[in-house]
Each structure stands twice: as structure tokens, then as C-alpha cells.
Amino acid sequence: MLKPMEVTLDADQDALVQAAVRSGRLRNPEEAVFQGMALWEERERRRMEVCAVLDSAEASFARGEGRVVSSYEATRQLADDIKRRGLARVAAGKSRG
């Protein structure tokens, strides 16, 4: 159910929305709000995911599961490992969808 809400835009924001409506990029000003909310929701979802990963990492570290990196070579190996795992995740995601 949609709940009515009044939103006040500054002059620049209003001009941007009106130009988008005139050009046909938006059907109406409400569409700008819907698109803005969708972007904000996505950003917040990503932020929450990052926070969850950080919480998990902190808990892992507290359990003594951390990895000591005390040299340039160890740092390079860790970076290579992270890149390899990241690329594997990207490849796995592409094969699913």
C-alpha cells in the first residue's frame, strides 16, 4: 500500500526532475522519487552486507582465526589469494545467471 508523502526539492533538484520529464526520460516527478529510492535501497543493502562481513571477520579474529601478515611477500600472497577467490566468485555468479 502506498503512503502519501510530501517531498520538497531544492531549485536545482526540481529543475533536474522537470528536465527529465520534459525529455521523456521520466513519465512524471514521482518516477524520480521511485528511482532514487531504489538506488538508496540498493546502497543500503550493500552497506548492510559489508557490515555483516566485517562483523564476521571481527568475530573470526576474536576466535583466533586471523592470519598474520608480517612481510611484503606474505602481503602479496594474501592479495593474490583474495583476488583468486574473488574472481572465482564472479565466475560462479556468471555461470548461475
N, C-alpha and C. Protein backbone atom coordinates (compact mmCIF):
# COMPACT_ATOMS: atom_id res chain seq x y z
N MET A 1 0.85 -1.17 0.00
CA MET A 1 0.00 0.00 0.00
C MET A 1 0.89 1.24 0.00
N LEU A 2 0.61 2.17 -0.88
CA LEU A 2 1.38 3.39 -0.98
C LEU A 2 0.92 4.39 0.07
N LYS A 3 1.88 5.01 0.71
CA LYS A 3 1.58 6.01 1.72
C LYS A 3 1.96 7.38 1.16
N PRO A 4 1.02 8.32 1.13
CA PRO A 4 1.35 9.65 0.60
C PRO A 4 2.41 10.32 1.46
N MET A 5 3.32 11.03 0.78
CA MET A 5 4.38 11.74 1.49
C MET A 5 4.73 12.99 0.68
N GLU A 6 4.97 14.07 1.36
CA GLU A 6 5.36 15.29 0.67
C GLU A 6 6.87 15.42 0.73
N VAL A 7 7.47 15.68 -0.43
CA VAL A 7 8.92 15.84 -0.53
C VAL A 7 9.20 17.20 -1.14
N THR A 8 10.07 17.97 -0.53
CA THR A 8 10.42 19.28 -1.05
C THR A 8 11.82 19.21 -1.66
N LEU A 9 11.90 19.60 -2.92
CA LEU A 9 13.18 19.60 -3.63
C LEU A 9 13.74 21.02 -3.66
N ASP A 10 15.06 21.13 -3.69
CA ASP A 10 15.61 22.47 -3.88
C ASP A 10 15.48 22.82 -5.37
N ALA A 11 15.80 24.03 -5.73
CA ALA A 11 15.57 24.51 -7.09
C ALA A 11 16.33 23.68 -8.13
N ASP A 12 17.58 23.31 -7.83
CA ASP A 12 18.37 22.51 -8.77
C ASP A 12 17.77 21.11 -8.96
N GLN A 13 17.35 20.51 -7.87
CA GLN A 13 16.74 19.18 -7.95
C GLN A 13 15.44 19.23 -8.76
N ASP A 14 14.63 20.25 -8.49
CA ASP A 14 13.37 20.40 -9.21
C ASP A 14 13.62 20.59 -10.70
N ALA A 15 14.59 21.42 -11.05
CA ALA A 15 14.92 21.65 -12.45
C ALA A 15 15.39 20.35 -13.12
N LEU A 16 16.17 19.56 -12.42
CA LEU A 16 16.65 18.29 -12.95
C LEU A 16 15.48 17.34 -13.22
N VAL A 17 14.57 17.25 -12.28
CA VAL A 17 13.40 16.37 -12.44
C VAL A 17 12.53 16.87 -13.59
N GLN A 18 12.26 18.16 -13.63
CA GLN A 18 11.42 18.71 -14.69
C GLN A 18 12.04 18.49 -16.07
N ALA A 19 13.35 18.65 -16.18
CA ALA A 19 14.03 18.42 -17.46
C ALA A 19 13.91 16.95 -17.86
N ALA A 20 14.02 16.05 -16.90
CA ALA A 20 13.90 14.62 -17.20
C ALA A 20 12.49 14.28 -17.67
N VAL A 21 11.49 14.91 -17.08
CA VAL A 21 10.10 14.68 -17.50
C VAL A 21 9.89 15.24 -18.91
N ARG A 22 10.37 16.47 -19.14
CA ARG A 22 10.20 17.09 -20.47
C ARG A 22 10.89 16.28 -21.56
N SER A 23 12.04 15.70 -21.25
CA SER A 23 12.79 14.95 -22.26
C SER A 23 12.23 13.55 -22.48
N GLY A 24 11.33 13.13 -21.59
CA GLY A 24 10.75 11.80 -21.72
C GLY A 24 11.51 10.72 -20.97
N ARG A 25 12.61 11.08 -20.30
CA ARG A 25 13.34 10.08 -19.51
C ARG A 25 12.53 9.61 -18.33
N LEU A 26 11.67 10.48 -17.81
CA LEU A 26 10.76 10.12 -16.73
C LEU A 26 9.34 10.42 -17.17
N ARG A 27 8.40 9.59 -16.71
CA ARG A 27 6.98 9.83 -17.04
C ARG A 27 6.42 10.97 -16.20
N ASN A 28 6.88 11.06 -14.94
CA ASN A 28 6.37 12.08 -14.03
C ASN A 28 7.37 12.25 -12.89
N PRO A 29 7.22 13.30 -12.08
CA PRO A 29 8.17 13.53 -10.99
C PRO A 29 8.23 12.39 -9.97
N GLU A 30 7.11 11.70 -9.78
CA GLU A 30 7.10 10.59 -8.82
C GLU A 30 8.08 9.49 -9.23
N GLU A 31 8.25 9.31 -10.54
CA GLU A 31 9.19 8.29 -11.01
C GLU A 31 10.61 8.61 -10.56
N ALA A 32 10.96 9.88 -10.47
CA ALA A 32 12.30 10.27 -9.98
C ALA A 32 12.47 9.82 -8.53
N VAL A 33 11.42 9.98 -7.75
CA VAL A 33 11.48 9.55 -6.34
C VAL A 33 11.61 8.04 -6.26
N PHE A 34 10.83 7.31 -7.07
CA PHE A 34 10.92 5.84 -7.06
C PHE A 34 12.32 5.37 -7.45
N GLN A 35 12.89 5.99 -8.49
CA GLN A 35 14.23 5.61 -8.91
C GLN A 35 15.26 5.95 -7.83
N GLY A 36 15.11 7.11 -7.22
CA GLY A 36 16.04 7.49 -6.15
C GLY A 36 15.95 6.55 -4.97
N MET A 37 14.74 6.14 -4.61
CA MET A 37 14.57 5.20 -3.50
C MET A 37 15.17 3.84 -3.84
N ALA A 38 15.02 3.40 -5.09
CA ALA A 38 15.58 2.11 -5.49
C ALA A 38 17.10 2.14 -5.37
N LEU A 39 17.72 3.24 -5.80
CA LEU A 39 19.18 3.37 -5.68
C LEU A 39 19.61 3.40 -4.21
N TRP A 40 18.86 4.14 -3.39
CA TRP A 40 19.19 4.23 -1.97
C TRP A 40 19.05 2.87 -1.30
N GLU A 41 17.98 2.14 -1.63
CA GLU A 41 17.79 0.81 -1.05
C GLU A 41 18.93 -0.12 -1.43
N GLU A 42 19.37 -0.07 -2.68
CA GLU A 42 20.48 -0.91 -3.13
C GLU A 42 21.76 -0.55 -2.37
N ARG A 43 22.02 0.73 -2.22
CA ARG A 43 23.20 1.18 -1.48
C ARG A 43 23.14 0.72 -0.03
N GLU A 44 21.98 0.83 0.58
CA GLU A 44 21.84 0.39 1.97
C GLU A 44 22.00 -1.12 2.11
N ARG A 45 21.47 -1.88 1.12
CA ARG A 45 21.63 -3.33 1.14
C ARG A 45 23.10 -3.70 1.07
N ARG A 46 23.84 -3.03 0.19
CA ARG A 46 25.29 -3.29 0.08
C ARG A 46 26.01 -2.91 1.37
N ARG A 47 25.62 -1.78 1.96
CA ARG A 47 26.25 -1.35 3.21
C ARG A 47 26.03 -2.39 4.30
N MET A 48 24.80 -2.91 4.36
CA MET A 48 24.49 -3.93 5.37
C MET A 48 25.31 -5.21 5.12
N GLU A 49 25.50 -5.57 3.86
CA GLU A 49 26.31 -6.74 3.53
C GLU A 49 27.76 -6.53 3.97
N VAL A 50 28.30 -5.34 3.72
CA VAL A 50 29.67 -5.04 4.13
C VAL A 50 29.78 -5.09 5.65
N CYS A 51 28.80 -4.52 6.34
CA CYS A 51 28.82 -4.56 7.81
C CYS A 51 28.77 -5.99 8.33
N ALA A 52 27.97 -6.84 7.69
CA ALA A 52 27.88 -8.24 8.11
C ALA A 52 29.21 -8.95 7.89
N VAL A 53 29.87 -8.67 6.78
CA VAL A 53 31.18 -9.29 6.52
C VAL A 53 32.20 -8.81 7.55
N LEU A 54 32.16 -7.53 7.87
CA LEU A 54 33.09 -7.00 8.88
C LEU A 54 32.82 -7.61 10.25
N ASP A 55 31.55 -7.74 10.61
CA ASP A 55 31.21 -8.38 11.89
C ASP A 55 31.72 -9.81 11.93
N SER A 56 31.55 -10.52 10.83
CA SER A 56 32.02 -11.91 10.76
C SER A 56 33.53 -11.97 10.87
N ALA A 57 34.22 -11.04 10.20
CA ALA A 57 35.68 -11.01 10.26
C ALA A 57 36.16 -10.69 11.68
N GLU A 58 35.51 -9.75 12.33
CA GLU A 58 35.89 -9.41 13.70
C GLU A 58 35.67 -10.59 14.64
N ALA A 59 34.57 -11.31 14.46
CA ALA A 59 34.30 -12.48 15.30
C ALA A 59 35.34 -13.56 15.03
N SER A 60 35.70 -13.75 13.78
CA SER A 60 36.71 -14.73 13.42
C SER A 60 38.05 -14.37 14.05
N PHE A 61 38.39 -13.11 13.97
CA PHE A 61 39.64 -12.63 14.58
C PHE A 61 39.62 -12.85 16.09
N ALA A 62 38.48 -12.56 16.73
CA ALA A 62 38.35 -12.74 18.18
C ALA A 62 38.51 -14.21 18.57
N ARG A 63 38.13 -15.12 17.68
CA ARG A 63 38.30 -16.56 17.95
C ARG A 63 39.71 -17.05 17.66
N GLY A 64 40.58 -16.12 17.24
CA GLY A 64 41.96 -16.50 16.95
C GLY A 64 42.16 -17.09 15.57
N GLU A 65 41.20 -16.85 14.69
CA GLU A 65 41.29 -17.41 13.34
C GLU A 65 41.94 -16.45 12.35
N GLY A 66 42.53 -15.38 12.85
CA GLY A 66 43.16 -14.39 11.98
C GLY A 66 44.40 -14.94 11.31
N ARG A 67 44.86 -14.22 10.33
CA ARG A 67 46.04 -14.62 9.56
C ARG A 67 47.10 -13.55 9.76
N VAL A 68 48.27 -13.94 10.24
CA VAL A 68 49.36 -13.00 10.47
C VAL A 68 50.05 -12.71 9.15
N VAL A 69 50.14 -11.43 8.85
CA VAL A 69 50.82 -10.99 7.63
C VAL A 69 51.91 -10.02 8.08
N SER A 70 53.15 -10.49 8.04
CA SER A 70 54.22 -9.69 8.61
C SER A 70 55.34 -9.38 7.63
N SER A 71 55.14 -9.68 6.36
CA SER A 71 56.18 -9.36 5.39
C SER A 71 55.52 -8.95 4.08
N TYR A 72 56.31 -8.35 3.23
CA TYR A 72 55.81 -7.95 1.91
C TYR A 72 55.34 -9.18 1.14
N GLU A 73 56.11 -10.25 1.19
CA GLU A 73 55.76 -11.48 0.46
C GLU A 73 54.45 -12.06 0.99
N ALA A 74 54.28 -12.07 2.29
CA ALA A 74 53.03 -12.59 2.87
C ALA A 74 51.85 -11.72 2.45
N THR A 75 52.06 -10.41 2.40
CA THR A 75 51.01 -9.49 1.96
C THR A 75 50.65 -9.75 0.50
N ARG A 76 51.66 -9.94 -0.34
CA ARG A 76 51.44 -10.22 -1.76
C ARG A 76 50.69 -11.54 -1.95
N GLN A 77 51.07 -12.54 -1.16
CA GLN A 77 50.39 -13.84 -1.26
C GLN A 77 48.93 -13.72 -0.83
N LEU A 78 48.69 -12.97 0.24
CA LEU A 78 47.31 -12.76 0.70
C LEU A 78 46.50 -12.03 -0.37
N ALA A 79 47.06 -10.98 -0.96
CA ALA A 79 46.36 -10.24 -2.02
C ALA A 79 46.06 -11.15 -3.20
N ASP A 80 47.01 -11.97 -3.59
CA ASP A 80 46.79 -12.91 -4.70
C ASP A 80 45.68 -13.90 -4.38
N ASP A 81 45.66 -14.38 -3.14
CA ASP A 81 44.63 -15.32 -2.70
C ASP A 81 43.24 -14.66 -2.75
N ILE A 82 43.17 -13.43 -2.27
CA ILE A 82 41.90 -12.70 -2.27
C ILE A 82 41.42 -12.47 -3.70
N LYS A 83 42.33 -12.08 -4.58
CA LYS A 83 41.97 -11.87 -5.99
C LYS A 83 41.46 -13.17 -6.61
N ARG A 84 42.17 -14.26 -6.35
CA ARG A 84 41.78 -15.56 -6.93
C ARG A 84 40.39 -15.96 -6.46
N ARG A 85 40.14 -15.81 -5.14
CA ARG A 85 38.81 -16.17 -4.61
C ARG A 85 37.72 -15.24 -5.15
N GLY A 86 38.04 -13.96 -5.29
CA GLY A 86 37.07 -13.02 -5.84
C GLY A 86 36.72 -13.33 -7.28
N LEU A 87 37.73 -13.62 -8.07
CA LEU A 87 37.48 -13.97 -9.47
C LEU A 87 36.68 -15.25 -9.58
N ALA A 88 36.93 -16.21 -8.69
CA ALA A 88 36.17 -17.46 -8.70
C ALA A 88 34.70 -17.19 -8.36
N ARG A 89 34.45 -16.27 -7.42
CA ARG A 89 33.07 -15.93 -7.07
C ARG A 89 32.36 -15.24 -8.23
N VAL A 90 33.08 -14.34 -8.91
CA VAL A 90 32.49 -13.67 -10.06
C VAL A 90 32.15 -14.68 -11.15
N ALA A 91 33.09 -15.58 -11.41
CA ALA A 91 32.86 -16.62 -12.44
C ALA A 91 31.67 -17.51 -12.05
N ALA A 92 31.58 -17.85 -10.79
CA ALA A 92 30.46 -18.70 -10.32
C ALA A 92 29.14 -17.96 -10.47
N GLY A 93 29.13 -16.66 -10.20
CA GLY A 93 27.91 -15.87 -10.33
C GLY A 93 27.48 -15.75 -11.78
N LYS A 94 28.42 -15.64 -12.69
CA LYS A 94 28.09 -15.53 -14.12
C LYS A 94 27.54 -16.85 -14.65
N SER A 95 28.05 -17.95 -14.13
CA SER A 95 27.57 -19.25 -14.62
C SER A 95 26.17 -19.57 -14.12
N ARG A 96 25.76 -18.93 -12.99
CA ARG A 96 24.40 -19.16 -12.46
C ARG A 96 23.38 -18.31 -13.18
N GLY A 97 23.74 -17.13 -13.59
CA GLY A 97 22.75 -16.21 -14.14
C GLY A 97 23.11 -15.77 -15.46
